[in-house]
C-alpha atoms as a PDB file:
ATOM      1  CA  MET A   1       0.317   0.469  -0.183  1.00  0.00           C
ATOM      2  CA  THR A   2       1.376   4.009  -0.246  1.00  0.00           C
ATOM      3  CA  ILE A   3       2.050   5.147   3.084  1.00  0.00           C
ATOM      4  CA  ASN A   4       0.711   8.782   4.304  1.00  0.00           C
ATOM      5  CA  LYS A   5       3.406   9.824   6.466  1.00  0.00           C
ATOM      6  CA  ASN A   6       0.733  10.929   8.365  1.00  0.00           C
ATOM      7  CA  ILE A   7      -0.499   8.255  10.846  1.00  0.00           C
ATOM      8  CA  ARG A   8      -3.360  10.117  12.032  1.00  0.00           C
ATOM      9  CA  GLU A   9      -5.050  10.367   8.775  1.00  0.00           C
ATOM     10  CA  LEU A  10      -4.969   6.643   8.525  1.00  0.00           C
ATOM     11  CA  THR A  11      -8.363   5.438   9.511  1.00  0.00           C
ATOM     12  CA  LEU A  12      -8.701   1.856  10.813  1.00  0.00           C
ATOM     13  CA  PRO A  13      -9.119  -0.161   8.373  1.00  0.00           C
ATOM     14  CA  GLU A  14      -6.387   1.306   6.657  1.00  0.00           C
ATOM     15  CA  LEU A  15      -4.228   1.264   9.346  1.00  0.00           C
ATOM     16  CA  LYS A  16      -5.625  -3.203   9.541  1.00  0.00           C
ATOM     17  CA  ASP A  17      -4.089  -3.276   5.785  1.00  0.00           C
ATOM     18  CA  TYR A  18      -1.394  -1.415   7.148  1.00  0.00           C
ATOM     19  CA  PHE A  19      -0.166  -3.776  10.004  1.00  0.00           C
ATOM     20  CA  GLU A  20      -1.466  -6.932   7.608  1.00  0.00           C
ATOM     21  CA  SER A  21       1.163  -6.167   4.545  1.00  0.00           C
ATOM     22  CA  ILE A  22       4.202  -5.723   7.084  1.00  0.00           C
ATOM     23  CA  GLY A  23       2.832  -9.626   7.943  1.00  0.00           C
ATOM     24  CA  ASP A  24       1.558  -8.443  11.457  1.00  0.00           C
ATOM     25  CA  LYS A  25      -1.966  -9.151  13.041  1.00  0.00           C
ATOM     26  CA  LYS A  26      -4.784  -6.624  12.298  1.00  0.00           C
ATOM     27  CA  PHE A  27      -5.298  -6.114  15.673  1.00  0.00           C
ATOM     28  CA  ARG A  28      -2.243  -4.578  16.354  1.00  0.00           C
ATOM     29  CA  ALA A  29      -4.009  -1.515  14.537  1.00  0.00           C
ATOM     30  CA  ILE A  30      -6.755  -1.071  16.714  1.00  0.00           C
ATOM     31  CA  GLN A  31      -4.298  -1.457  19.939  1.00  0.00           C
ATOM     32  CA  ALA A  32      -1.940   1.554  17.838  1.00  0.00           C
ATOM     33  CA  TYR A  33      -5.520   3.055  17.312  1.00  0.00           C
ATOM     34  CA  GLU A  34      -6.418   3.449  20.611  1.00  0.00           C
ATOM     35  CA  TRP A  35      -3.056   4.694  21.495  1.00  0.00           C
ATOM     36  CA  LEU A  36      -4.079   7.613  18.804  1.00  0.00           C
ATOM     37  CA  TRP A  37      -7.553   8.921  19.654  1.00  0.00           C
ATOM     38  CA  LYS A  38      -7.993   7.700  22.952  1.00  0.00           C
ATOM     39  CA  LYS A  39      -4.713   8.006  25.094  1.00  0.00           C
ATOM     40  CA  ASN A  40      -3.552  10.511  22.608  1.00  0.00           C
ATOM     41  CA  ILE A  41      -0.155  10.256  22.986  1.00  0.00           C
ATOM     42  CA  ARG A  42       2.567  11.880  20.699  1.00  0.00           C
ATOM     43  CA  ASP A  43       5.292  10.098  19.902  1.00  0.00           C
ATOM     44  CA  PHE A  44       5.494   6.384  18.793  1.00  0.00           C
ATOM     45  CA  ASP A  45       7.861   5.713  22.085  1.00  0.00           C
ATOM     46  CA  GLU A  46       4.621   5.817  24.129  1.00  0.00           C
ATOM     47  CA  MET A  47       3.193   2.929  22.743  1.00  0.00           C
ATOM     48  CA  SER A  48       4.038   0.374  24.807  1.00  0.00           C
ATOM     49  CA  ASN A  49       1.855  -2.631  24.673  1.00  0.00           C
ATOM     50  CA  LEU A  50       4.390  -2.570  21.033  1.00  0.00           C
ATOM     51  CA  SER A  51       7.265  -4.531  21.100  1.00  0.00           C
ATOM     52  CA  LEU A  52      10.075  -2.002  20.550  1.00  0.00           C
ATOM     53  CA  GLU A  53      11.306  -2.786  17.264  1.00  0.00           C
ATOM     54  CA  LEU A  54       7.283  -2.526  15.618  1.00  0.00           C
ATOM     55  CA  ARG A  55       7.384   1.377  17.237  1.00  0.00           C
ATOM     56  CA  LYS A  56      10.800   1.438  15.323  1.00  0.00           C
ATOM     57  CA  LYS A  57       9.233   0.047  11.762  1.00  0.00           C
ATOM     58  CA  LEU A  58       5.742   2.533  12.496  1.00  0.00           C
ATOM     59  CA  ALA A  59       8.542   5.878  13.072  1.00  0.00           C
ATOM     60  CA  ALA A  60      10.343   4.574  10.157  1.00  0.00           C
ATOM     61  CA  ASP A  61       7.273   4.573   7.776  1.00  0.00           C
ATOM     62  CA  PHE A  62       5.242   7.271   9.031  1.00  0.00           C
ATOM     63  CA  GLU A  63       5.491  10.961  11.138  1.00  0.00           C
ATOM     64  CA  MET A  64       3.140  12.246  13.369  1.00  0.00           C
ATOM     65  CA  ASN A  65       2.692  15.732  12.926  1.00  0.00           C
ATOM     66  CA  VAL A  66       1.416  16.570  16.758  1.00  0.00           C
ATOM     67  CA  ILE A  67       1.621  19.922  18.292  1.00  0.00           C
ATOM     68  CA  LYS A  68       3.074  20.367  20.891  1.00  0.00           C
ATOM     69  CA  VAL A  69       2.489  23.644  23.977  1.00  0.00           C
ATOM     70  CA  ASP A  70       5.730  26.246  23.564  1.00  0.00           C
ATOM     71  CA  ALA A  71       4.139  28.022  26.766  1.00  0.00           C
ATOM     72  CA  THR A  72       0.996  28.893  29.042  1.00  0.00           C
ATOM     73  CA  GLN A  73      -0.299  31.656  30.241  1.00  0.00           C
ATOM     74  CA  HIS A  74      -2.279  31.631  33.949  1.00  0.00           C
ATOM     75  CA  SER A  75      -5.367  34.951  34.394  1.00  0.00           C
ATOM     76  CA  THR A  76      -5.863  35.952  37.597  1.00  0.00           C
ATOM     77  CA  ASP A  77      -9.725  34.803  36.799  1.00  0.00           C
ATOM     78  CA  GLY A  78      -8.004  31.214  36.659  1.00  0.00           C
ATOM     79  CA  THR A  79      -8.700  30.897  32.607  1.00  0.00           C
ATOM     80  CA  LEU A  80      -5.405  29.374  30.631  1.00  0.00           C
ATOM     81  CA  LYS A  81      -4.325  30.192  27.636  1.00  0.00           C
ATOM     82  CA  SER A  82      -1.751  28.054  25.484  1.00  0.00           C
ATOM     83  CA  ARG A  83       0.611  28.583  22.325  1.00  0.00           C
ATOM     84  CA  PHE A  84       1.251  25.430  20.448  1.00  0.00           C
ATOM     85  CA  ARG A  85       3.853  24.941  18.165  1.00  0.00           C
ATOM     86  CA  THR A  86       2.576  22.836  15.214  1.00  0.00           C
ATOM     87  CA  TYR A  87       5.240  20.149  13.392  1.00  0.00           C
ATOM     88  CA  ASP A  88       6.685  23.165  11.253  1.00  0.00           C
ATOM     89  CA  ASN A  89       7.072  25.345  13.394  1.00  0.00           C
ATOM     90  CA  HIS A  90       4.370  27.510  13.158  1.00  0.00           C
ATOM     91  CA  LEU A  91       2.513  28.994  16.688  1.00  0.00           C
ATOM     92  CA  ILE A  92      -1.464  29.026  17.445  1.00  0.00           C
ATOM     93  CA  GLU A  93      -3.339  29.745  20.569  1.00  0.00           C
ATOM     94  CA  GLY A  94      -5.337  27.731  22.539  1.00  0.00           C
ATOM     95  CA  VAL A  95      -7.503  28.544  26.156  1.00  0.00           C
ATOM     96  CA  LEU A  96      -9.042  27.394  28.859  1.00  0.00           C
ATOM     97  CA  ILE A  97     -12.333  28.711  30.319  1.00  0.00           C
ATOM     98  CA  PRO A  98     -13.028  27.093  33.406  1.00  0.00           C
ATOM     99  CA  THR A  99     -16.395  27.949  35.173  1.00  0.00           C
ATOM    100  CA  GLU A 100     -18.635  26.985  38.181  1.00  0.00           C
ATOM    101  CA  LYS A 101     -20.262  25.312  35.487  1.00  0.00           C
ATOM    102  CA  ARG A 102     -18.680  24.191  32.627  1.00  0.00           C
ATOM    103  CA  ASN A 103     -14.718  24.255  31.508  1.00  0.00           C
ATOM    104  CA  THR A 104     -14.918  25.302  27.806  1.00  0.00           C
ATOM    105  CA  ALA A 105     -11.942  24.958  25.707  1.00  0.00           C
ATOM    106  CA  CYS A 106     -11.856  27.946  22.905  1.00  0.00           C
ATOM    107  CA  VAL A 107      -9.967  26.228  20.012  1.00  0.00           C
ATOM    108  CA  SER A 108      -8.696  27.486  16.466  1.00  0.00           C
ATOM    109  CA  SER A 109      -8.561  26.409  12.817  1.00  0.00           C
ATOM    110  CA  GLN A 110      -6.188  28.456  11.017  1.00  0.00           C
ATOM    111  CA  ILE A 111      -3.028  29.661  11.537  1.00  0.00           C
ATOM    112  CA  GLY A 112      -3.491  33.460  11.573  1.00  0.00           C
ATOM    113  CA  CYS A 113      -6.717  35.062   9.382  1.00  0.00           C
ATOM    114  CA  SER A 114      -7.428  35.950   5.779  1.00  0.00           C
ATOM    115  CA  LEU A 115     -10.940  38.391   7.255  1.00  0.00           C
ATOM    116  CA  THR A 116      -8.850  41.249   8.902  1.00  0.00           C
ATOM    117  CA  CYS A 117     -11.485  42.249  10.918  1.00  0.00           C
ATOM    118  CA  LYS A 118     -10.794  46.003  12.175  1.00  0.00           C
ATOM    119  CA  PHE A 119     -11.433  44.688  15.781  1.00  0.00           C
ATOM    120  CA  CYS A 120      -9.375  41.658  15.886  1.00  0.00           C
ATOM    121  CA  ALA A 121      -5.913  41.178  16.809  1.00  0.00           C
ATOM    122  CA  THR A 122      -5.730  37.907  15.080  1.00  0.00           C
ATOM    123  CA  GLY A 123      -7.446  39.302  11.759  1.00  0.00           C
ATOM    124  CA  LYS A 124      -3.898  41.747  12.041  1.00  0.00           C
ATOM    125  CA  MET A 125      -1.437  38.725  11.340  1.00  0.00           C
ATOM    126  CA  GLU A 126      -1.043  37.013   7.638  1.00  0.00           C
ATOM    127  CA  ARG A 127      -2.631  33.450   7.436  1.00  0.00           C
ATOM    128  CA  LYS A 128       0.155  31.295   6.765  1.00  0.00           C
ATOM    129  CA  ARG A 129      -2.252  27.741   6.154  1.00  0.00           C
ATOM    130  CA  ASN A 130      -5.278  25.386   7.546  1.00  0.00           C
ATOM    131  CA  LEU A 131      -4.701  23.429  10.655  1.00  0.00           C
ATOM    132  CA  THR A 132      -5.037  20.114   9.845  1.00  0.00           C
ATOM    133  CA  PHE A 133      -8.237  17.565  11.685  1.00  0.00           C
ATOM    134  CA  ASP A 134      -5.439  16.216  14.431  1.00  0.00           C
ATOM    135  CA  GLU A 135      -4.582  19.379  14.957  1.00  0.00           C
ATOM    136  CA  ILE A 136      -7.430  20.944  15.846  1.00  0.00           C
ATOM    137  CA  TYR A 137      -8.096  17.748  17.912  1.00  0.00           C
ATOM    138  CA  ASP A 138      -4.717  18.025  19.263  1.00  0.00           C
ATOM    139  CA  GLN A 139      -5.432  21.511  20.749  1.00  0.00           C
ATOM    140  CA  VAL A 140      -8.865  19.925  22.815  1.00  0.00           C
ATOM    141  CA  ALA A 141      -6.524  16.737  24.204  1.00  0.00           C
ATOM    142  CA  ILE A 142      -4.431  19.384  24.881  1.00  0.00           C
ATOM    143  CA  LEU A 143      -6.459  21.853  26.689  1.00  0.00           C
ATOM    144  CA  ASN A 144      -8.515  18.894  28.127  1.00  0.00           C
ATOM    145  CA  GLU A 145      -5.449  17.546  30.177  1.00  0.00           C
ATOM    146  CA  GLN A 146      -4.631  20.585  31.512  1.00  0.00           C
ATOM    147  CA  SER A 147      -8.889  21.164  32.436  1.00  0.00           C
ATOM    148  CA  GLU A 148      -8.222  17.597  34.310  1.00  0.00           C
ATOM    149  CA  LYS A 149      -4.745  18.690  35.820  1.00  0.00           C
ATOM    150  CA  VAL A 150      -5.839  21.830  36.922  1.00  0.00           C
ATOM    151  CA  TYR A 151      -9.513  21.645  37.744  1.00  0.00           C
ATOM    152  CA  GLY A 152      -9.543  18.133  38.056  1.00  0.00           C
ATOM    153  CA  LYS A 153     -12.601  17.387  35.602  1.00  0.00           C
ATOM    154  CA  LYS A 154     -12.962  17.020  31.854  1.00  0.00           C
ATOM    155  CA  LEU A 155     -13.955  19.648  29.362  1.00  0.00           C
ATOM    156  CA  SER A 156     -17.997  19.848  29.121  1.00  0.00           C
ATOM    157  CA  ASN A 157     -17.673  22.333  26.034  1.00  0.00           C
ATOM    158  CA  ILE A 158     -15.593  23.191  22.483  1.00  0.00           C
ATOM    159  CA  VAL A 159     -15.883  26.298  20.950  1.00  0.00           C
ATOM    160  CA  TYR A 160     -14.525  26.962  17.383  1.00  0.00           C
ATOM    161  CA  MET A 161     -13.313  30.957  18.526  1.00  0.00           C
ATOM    162  CA  GLY A 162      -9.993  30.829  18.223  1.00  0.00           C
ATOM    163  CA  MET A 163      -7.303  32.143  15.425  1.00  0.00           C
ATOM    164  CA  GLY A 164      -9.011  31.868  11.640  1.00  0.00           C
ATOM    165  CA  GLU A 165     -12.394  31.482  10.231  1.00  0.00           C
ATOM    166  CA  PRO A 166     -13.798  27.671  10.677  1.00  0.00           C
ATOM    167  CA  LEU A 167     -15.952  27.782   7.991  1.00  0.00           C
ATOM    168  CA  LEU A 168     -12.649  28.848   5.555  1.00  0.00           C
ATOM    169  CA  ASN A 169     -11.516  24.828   6.515  1.00  0.00           C
ATOM    170  CA  TYR A 170     -14.714  23.694   6.132  1.00  0.00           C
ATOM    171  CA  LYS A 171     -13.272  19.931   5.936  1.00  0.00           C
ATOM    172  CA  ASN A 172     -11.200  20.191   8.538  1.00  0.00           C
ATOM    173  CA  VAL A 173     -13.132  21.818  10.749  1.00  0.00           C
ATOM    174  CA  LEU A 174     -15.696  19.646  10.448  1.00  0.00           C
ATOM    175  CA  LYS A 175     -13.233  16.414  10.523  1.00  0.00           C
ATOM    176  CA  SER A 176     -11.826  17.393  13.799  1.00  0.00           C
ATOM    177  CA  ILE A 177     -15.488  16.857  15.902  1.00  0.00           C
ATOM    178  CA  ASP A 178     -16.463  14.146  14.192  1.00  0.00           C
ATOM    179  CA  ARG A 179     -12.997  12.738  16.028  1.00  0.00           C
ATOM    180  CA  ILE A 180     -13.646  14.620  19.245  1.00  0.00           C
ATOM    181  CA  THR A 181     -17.635  13.013  18.832  1.00  0.00           C
ATOM    182  CA  ALA A 182     -16.918   9.399  17.798  1.00  0.00           C
ATOM    183  CA  SER A 183     -17.120   6.779  20.448  1.00  0.00           C
ATOM    184  CA  ASP A 184     -13.296   5.349  19.948  1.00  0.00           C
ATOM    185  CA  SER A 185     -12.190   9.189  21.315  1.00  0.00           C
ATOM    186  CA  MET A 186     -13.204  11.673  23.413  1.00  0.00           C
ATOM    187  CA  ASN A 187     -17.010  11.026  22.903  1.00  0.00           C
ATOM    188  CA  MET A 188     -18.009  14.377  23.452  1.00  0.00           C
ATOM    189  CA  SER A 189     -21.681  15.514  22.582  1.00  0.00           C
ATOM    190  CA  PRO A 190     -21.894  17.637  19.640  1.00  0.00           C
ATOM    191  CA  LYS A 191     -24.328  19.164  21.457  1.00  0.00           C
ATOM    192  CA  ARG A 192     -21.504  20.818  23.771  1.00  0.00           C
ATOM    193  CA  ILE A 193     -20.251  22.005  20.103  1.00  0.00           C
ATOM    194  CA  THR A 194     -20.133  25.421  18.951  1.00  0.00           C
ATOM    195  CA  VAL A 195     -18.635  26.622  15.066  1.00  0.00           C
ATOM    196  CA  SER A 196     -18.273  30.381  15.717  1.00  0.00           C
ATOM    197  CA  THR A 197     -18.528  32.029  11.839  1.00  0.00           C
ATOM    198  CA  ALA A 198     -17.626  35.811  10.640  1.00  0.00           C
ATOM    199  CA  GLY A 199     -20.428  34.602   8.344  1.00  0.00           C
ATOM    200  CA  VAL A 200     -19.239  32.558   5.024  1.00  0.00           C
ATOM    201  CA  ALA A 201     -23.500  32.330   3.919  1.00  0.00           C
ATOM    202  CA  LYS A 202     -22.743  29.560   1.121  1.00  0.00           C
ATOM    203  CA  MET A 203     -20.902  27.368   3.692  1.00  0.00           C
ATOM    204  CA  ILE A 204     -23.067  27.956   6.530  1.00  0.00           C
ATOM    205  CA  LYS A 205     -25.742  26.922   3.896  1.00  0.00           C
ATOM    206  CA  GLN A 206     -23.232  24.158   3.609  1.00  0.00           C
ATOM    207  CA  LEU A 207     -24.029  23.128   6.960  1.00  0.00           C
ATOM    208  CA  GLY A 208     -27.113  22.558   6.557  1.00  0.00           C
ATOM    209  CA  ASP A 209     -26.928  20.465   3.973  1.00  0.00           C
ATOM    210  CA  ASP A 210     -24.453  18.187   5.900  1.00  0.00           C
ATOM    211  CA  LYS A 211     -26.739  17.443   8.168  1.00  0.00           C
ATOM    212  CA  VAL A 212     -24.428  18.736  11.387  1.00  0.00           C
ATOM    213  CA  LYS A 213     -25.224  18.257  14.736  1.00  0.00           C
ATOM    214  CA  PHE A 214     -23.397  20.560  16.037  1.00  0.00           C
ATOM    215  CA  ASN A 215     -24.462  24.367  17.354  1.00  0.00           C
ATOM    216  CA  LEU A 216     -23.242  28.031  15.021  1.00  0.00           C
ATOM    217  CA  ALA A 217     -22.551  31.556  16.618  1.00  0.00           C
ATOM    218  CA  LEU A 218     -22.628  33.610  14.260  1.00  0.00           C
ATOM    219  CA  SER A 219     -20.209  37.000  14.518  1.00  0.00           C
ATOM    220  CA  LEU A 220     -22.319  40.012  13.727  1.00  0.00           C
ATOM    221  CA  HIS A 221     -21.235  42.565  15.215  1.00  0.00           C
ATOM    222  CA  ALA A 222     -22.998  45.250  13.581  1.00  0.00           C
ATOM    223  CA  PRO A 223     -26.291  45.738  12.855  1.00  0.00           C
ATOM    224  CA  THR A 224     -26.598  47.308   9.105  1.00  0.00           C
ATOM    225  CA  ASP A 225     -24.777  46.630   6.147  1.00  0.00           C
ATOM    226  CA  LYS A 226     -23.230  50.195   6.160  1.00  0.00           C
ATOM    227  CA  LYS A 227     -21.488  49.544  10.108  1.00  0.00           C
ATOM    228  CA  ARG A 228     -21.053  46.671   9.766  1.00  0.00           C
ATOM    229  CA  ASN A 229     -18.741  46.827   6.205  1.00  0.00           C
ATOM    230  CA  GLU A 230     -16.638  48.918   7.733  1.00  0.00           C
ATOM    231  CA  ILE A 231     -15.314  46.715  10.908  1.00  0.00           C
ATOM    232  CA  MET A 232     -15.847  43.228   9.228  1.00  0.00           C
ATOM    233  CA  PRO A 233     -15.101  43.537   5.033  1.00  0.00           C
ATOM    234  CA  ILE A 234     -16.655  39.795   4.542  1.00  0.00           C
ATOM    235  CA  ASN A 235     -19.731  41.852   4.667  1.00  0.00           C
ATOM    236  CA  GLU A 236     -19.144  43.316   1.347  1.00  0.00           C
ATOM    237  CA  THR A 237     -19.838  40.216   0.043  1.00  0.00           C
ATOM    238  CA  ASN A 238     -21.391  38.346   2.533  1.00  0.00           C
ATOM    239  CA  THR A 239     -24.215  40.721   3.868  1.00  0.00           C
ATOM    240  CA  ILE A 240     -26.797  40.722   6.293  1.00  0.00           C
ATOM    241  CA  ASP A 241     -29.846  40.025   4.498  1.00  0.00           C
ATOM    242  CA  LEU A 242     -27.944  36.899   2.803  1.00  0.00           C
ATOM    243  CA  LEU A 243     -26.719  35.577   6.259  1.00  0.00           C
ATOM    244  CA  ILE A 244     -30.507  35.961   7.684  1.00  0.00           C
ATOM    245  CA  GLU A 245     -31.457  33.609   4.315  1.00  0.00           C
ATOM    246  CA  SER A 246     -28.653  30.940   5.526  1.00  0.00           C
ATOM    247  CA  LEU A 247     -28.904  30.569   9.346  1.00  0.00           C
ATOM    248  CA  ASN A 248     -32.588  30.322   8.501  1.00  0.00           C
ATOM    249  CA  TYR A 249     -31.448  27.674   5.638  1.00  0.00           C
ATOM    250  CA  PHE A 250     -28.627  26.242   8.116  1.00  0.00           C
ATOM    251  CA  TYR A 251     -31.439  25.783  10.988  1.00  0.00           C
ATOM    252  CA  ASP A 252     -34.500  24.204   8.348  1.00  0.00           C
ATOM    253  CA  HIS A 253     -31.698  21.613   8.150  1.00  0.00           C
ATOM    254  CA  THR A 254     -30.291  21.210  11.830  1.00  0.00           C
ATOM    255  CA  LYS A 255     -32.497  22.550  14.451  1.00  0.00           C
ATOM    256  CA  ASN A 256     -29.540  23.512  15.746  1.00  0.00           C
ATOM    257  CA  ASP A 257     -28.845  25.970  18.165  1.00  0.00           C
ATOM    258  CA  ILE A 258     -27.833  29.781  16.390  1.00  0.00           C
ATOM    259  CA  THR A 259     -26.719  32.079  18.755  1.00  0.00           C
ATOM    260  CA  LEU A 260     -26.001  36.026  17.864  1.00  0.00           C
ATOM    261  CA  GLU A 261     -22.605  37.656  18.757  1.00  0.00           C
ATOM    262  CA  TYR A 262     -22.558  41.260  19.516  1.00  0.00           C
ATOM    263  CA  ILE A 263     -19.396  42.913  20.409  1.00  0.00           C
ATOM    264  CA  LEU A 264     -20.191  46.249  21.696  1.00  0.00           C
ATOM    265  CA  PHE A 265     -18.367  49.455  20.452  1.00  0.00           C
ATOM    266  CA  LYS A 266     -18.387  53.058  21.589  1.00  0.00           C
ATOM    267  CA  ASP A 267     -20.565  55.432  19.649  1.00  0.00           C
ATOM    268  CA  LYS A 268     -20.235  52.526  16.933  1.00  0.00           C
ATOM    269  CA  ASN A 269     -22.928  50.201  17.409  1.00  0.00           C
ATOM    270  CA  ASP A 270     -24.357  50.677  21.124  1.00  0.00           C
ATOM    271  CA  SER A 271     -27.139  53.125  20.264  1.00  0.00           C
ATOM    272  CA  ILE A 272     -30.801  52.301  20.885  1.00  0.00           C
ATOM    273  CA  GLU A 273     -31.003  53.175  17.668  1.00  0.00           C
ATOM    274  CA  ASP A 274     -28.530  49.590  16.780  1.00  0.00           C
ATOM    275  CA  ALA A 275     -30.290  47.894  19.107  1.00  0.00           C
ATOM    276  CA  GLU A 276     -33.700  48.254  17.892  1.00  0.00           C
ATOM    277  CA  ASP A 277     -31.947  47.265  14.318  1.00  0.00           C
ATOM    278  CA  LEU A 278     -30.767  44.116  16.182  1.00  0.00           C
ATOM    279  CA  ILE A 279     -34.588  43.036  17.114  1.00  0.00           C
ATOM    280  CA  LYS A 280     -35.129  43.046  13.301  1.00  0.00           C
ATOM    281  CA  ILE A 281     -32.808  40.902  12.332  1.00  0.00           C
ATOM    282  CA  TYR A 282     -33.400  38.416  15.806  1.00  0.00           C
ATOM    283  CA  ARG A 283     -36.793  38.570  14.491  1.00  0.00           C
ATOM    284  CA  LYS A 284     -35.792  37.270  11.386  1.00  0.00           C
ATOM    285  CA  ILE A 285     -33.932  34.062  12.478  1.00  0.00           C
ATOM    286  CA  PRO A 286     -34.334  31.167  14.691  1.00  0.00           C
ATOM    287  CA  THR A 287     -31.958  31.851  17.187  1.00  0.00           C
ATOM    288  CA  HIS A 288     -31.488  31.432  21.185  1.00  0.00           C
ATOM    289  CA  LEU A 289     -29.660  33.578  22.313  1.00  0.00           C
ATOM    290  CA  VAL A 290     -27.577  36.797  21.630  1.00  0.00           C
ATOM    291  CA  ASN A 291     -24.641  37.209  22.968  1.00  0.00           C
ATOM    292  CA  VAL A 292     -23.006  40.944  24.044  1.00  0.00           C
ATOM    293  CA  ILE A 293     -19.667  40.958  24.718  1.00  0.00           C
ATOM    294  CA  GLU A 294     -17.390  43.188  26.311  1.00  0.00           C
ATOM    295  CA  TYR A 295     -14.665  44.457  23.927  1.00  0.00           C
ATOM    296  CA  ASN A 296     -11.277  43.591  24.816  1.00  0.00           C
ATOM    297  CA  PRO A 297      -8.636  46.456  23.467  1.00  0.00           C
ATOM    298  CA  ILE A 298      -5.572  45.211  20.400  1.00  0.00           C
ATOM    299  CA  ALA A 299      -3.324  47.473  20.085  1.00  0.00           C
ATOM    300  CA  GLY A 300      -3.380  49.467  16.799  1.00  0.00           C
ATOM    301  CA  ALA A 301      -7.503  49.510  16.761  1.00  0.00           C
ATOM    302  CA  GLU A 302      -9.698  52.755  17.327  1.00  0.00           C
ATOM    303  CA  PHE A 303     -12.616  50.976  19.297  1.00  0.00           C
ATOM    304  CA  VAL A 304     -13.629  51.477  22.791  1.00  0.00           C
ATOM    305  CA  LYS A 305     -15.351  49.717  25.500  1.00  0.00           C
ATOM    306  CA  PRO A 306     -18.791  51.294  26.370  1.00  0.00           C
ATOM    307  CA  GLU A 307     -19.382  52.666  29.585  1.00  0.00           C
ATOM    308  CA  ASP A 308     -20.754  50.519  31.961  1.00  0.00           C
ATOM    309  CA  ASP A 309     -24.389  51.957  31.650  1.00  0.00           C
ATOM    310  CA  LYS A 310     -24.849  52.505  28.225  1.00  0.00           C
ATOM    311  CA  THR A 311     -24.074  47.952  27.870  1.00  0.00           C
ATOM    312  CA  GLN A 312     -26.922  48.340  30.930  1.00  0.00           C
ATOM    313  CA  ALA A 313     -29.526  50.339  28.704  1.00  0.00           C
ATOM    314  CA  PHE A 314     -28.111  48.970  25.632  1.00  0.00           C
ATOM    315  CA  THR A 315     -29.108  45.522  26.909  1.00  0.00           C
ATOM    316  CA  ASP A 316     -32.354  46.422  29.024  1.00  0.00           C
ATOM    317  CA  TYR A 317     -33.707  47.667  25.779  1.00  0.00           C
ATOM    318  CA  LEU A 318     -33.438  44.500  23.674  1.00  0.00           C
ATOM    319  CA  ALA A 319     -34.655  42.940  27.012  1.00  0.00           C
ATOM    320  CA  LYS A 320     -38.008  44.717  27.058  1.00  0.00           C
ATOM    321  CA  TYR A 321     -38.258  43.624  23.604  1.00  0.00           C
ATOM    322  CA  ARG A 322     -38.268  40.291  24.572  1.00  0.00           C
ATOM    323  CA  VAL A 323     -34.684  39.482  22.930  1.00  0.00           C
ATOM    324  CA  ASN A 324     -32.948  36.645  25.124  1.00  0.00           C
ATOM    325  CA  VAL A 325     -29.980  38.699  25.808  1.00  0.00           C
ATOM    326  CA  ARG A 326     -26.336  38.146  27.847  1.00  0.00           C
ATOM    327  CA  VAL A 327     -24.134  39.949  28.426  1.00  0.00           C
ATOM    328  CA  ARG A 328     -20.418  37.928  28.219  1.00  0.00           C
ATOM    329  CA  ARG A 329     -17.960  38.798  30.621  1.00  0.00           C
ATOM    330  CA  SER A 330     -14.830  39.081  29.127  1.00  0.00           C
ATOM    331  CA  ARG A 331     -11.811  36.540  31.105  1.00  0.00           C
ATOM    332  CA  GLY A 332      -8.068  36.218  30.137  1.00  0.00           C
ATOM    333  CA  LYS A 333      -7.967  39.585  29.800  1.00  0.00           C
ATOM    334  CA  ASP A 334      -4.540  40.334  31.171  1.00  0.00           C
ATOM    335  CA  ILE A 335      -3.294  37.960  29.336  1.00  0.00           C
ATOM    336  CA  ASP A 336      -4.548  38.866  25.784  1.00  0.00           C
ATOM    337  CA  ALA A 337      -6.612  35.169  25.934  1.00  0.00           C
ATOM    338  CA  ALA A 338      -9.760  37.142  25.962  1.00  0.00           C
ATOM    339  CA  CYS A 339     -12.485  37.537  22.104  1.00  0.00           C
ATOM    340  CA  GLY A 340     -10.399  38.792  19.669  1.00  0.00           C
ATOM    341  CA  GLN A 341      -6.696  39.151  21.592  1.00  0.00           C
ATOM    342  CA  LEU A 342      -5.602  35.828  20.346  1.00  0.00           C
ATOM    343  CA  ALA A 343      -2.555  36.860  18.171  1.00  0.00           C
ATOM    344  CA  ASN A 344       0.875  34.857  19.554  1.00  0.00           C
ATOM    345  CA  LYS A 345       1.730  37.962  21.383  1.00  0.00           C
ATOM    346  CA  ASP A 346       4.901  37.179  23.893  1.00  0.00           C
ATOM    347  CA  LYS A 347       4.606  37.988  26.852  1.00  0.00           C
ATOM    348  CA  SER A 348       5.998  36.364  29.894  1.00  0.00           C
ATOM    349  CA  ALA A 349       5.059  32.630  30.085  1.00  0.00           C
ATOM    350  CA  LYS A 350       6.000  29.795  31.783  1.00  0.00           C
END
């Protein structure tokens, strides 16, 4: 057989074919597969129930393109941000966000980002490449290990809200979720996974066609095309009307939860008129929640967080008109781990 150099790209049947081709027993494939996806090993030498000779053979025939922790920062609020190094020496970031009720992993899908949203630190970075499905999986596995070690419990939720636009890495994102939810892997419920998008209408519809089982969040952040164009260039080709249509298509085909994410920027999208426009969008989408998010400052951006009373007035107005609204308080701001701040900033880390 033609050997795929990344062993984790092989399915279990393909791995059985490989072991048979080298004159070994097929059940070795099950053992190896368990090491790869249940025990999340990162080196062939860790496959301790395989002979030394067989481990050397695997290392000669395959690579294991794992990501490794390069540095970890600890926030005063308990948030952990890890900088990961890929096999080809790129850096990405992932965040563990603990609360009383849940421990959430926030993972990246790309190295950098091509969307240039004006308020996002990642958007100022060049997109180097998409992450492979197993590199995304590695982030979840490592953050789960951190959660168990530091907080004594496994991850309860996963959000694809880190670096990059998940729907521009569609196949790898879906394949990573398949692995995370597989019974021979982490066996996590897809209902505990949320993929966040800046709004790629065509791919939102594709999610509906593929009848995915996870939840979706739209980073809206402005209630009119004019305002959204100014802060999110993607809106020029993915207008609010197109997004409304695609989100309804997604819901009609999946019945999965949709959340609208809305960062408040002082004097830009925080007026009562803005709230009224947001209500109009809310009425057109079967969304279950509007997350109003605190703005987290980044270098070189002109945006400012509104005063608390302005935020309160905005959310009170939404609630008055029966919008299910929640203010999402930022976590990990002191280590640049909050929404929009991921940019491989090299602070003191350990």
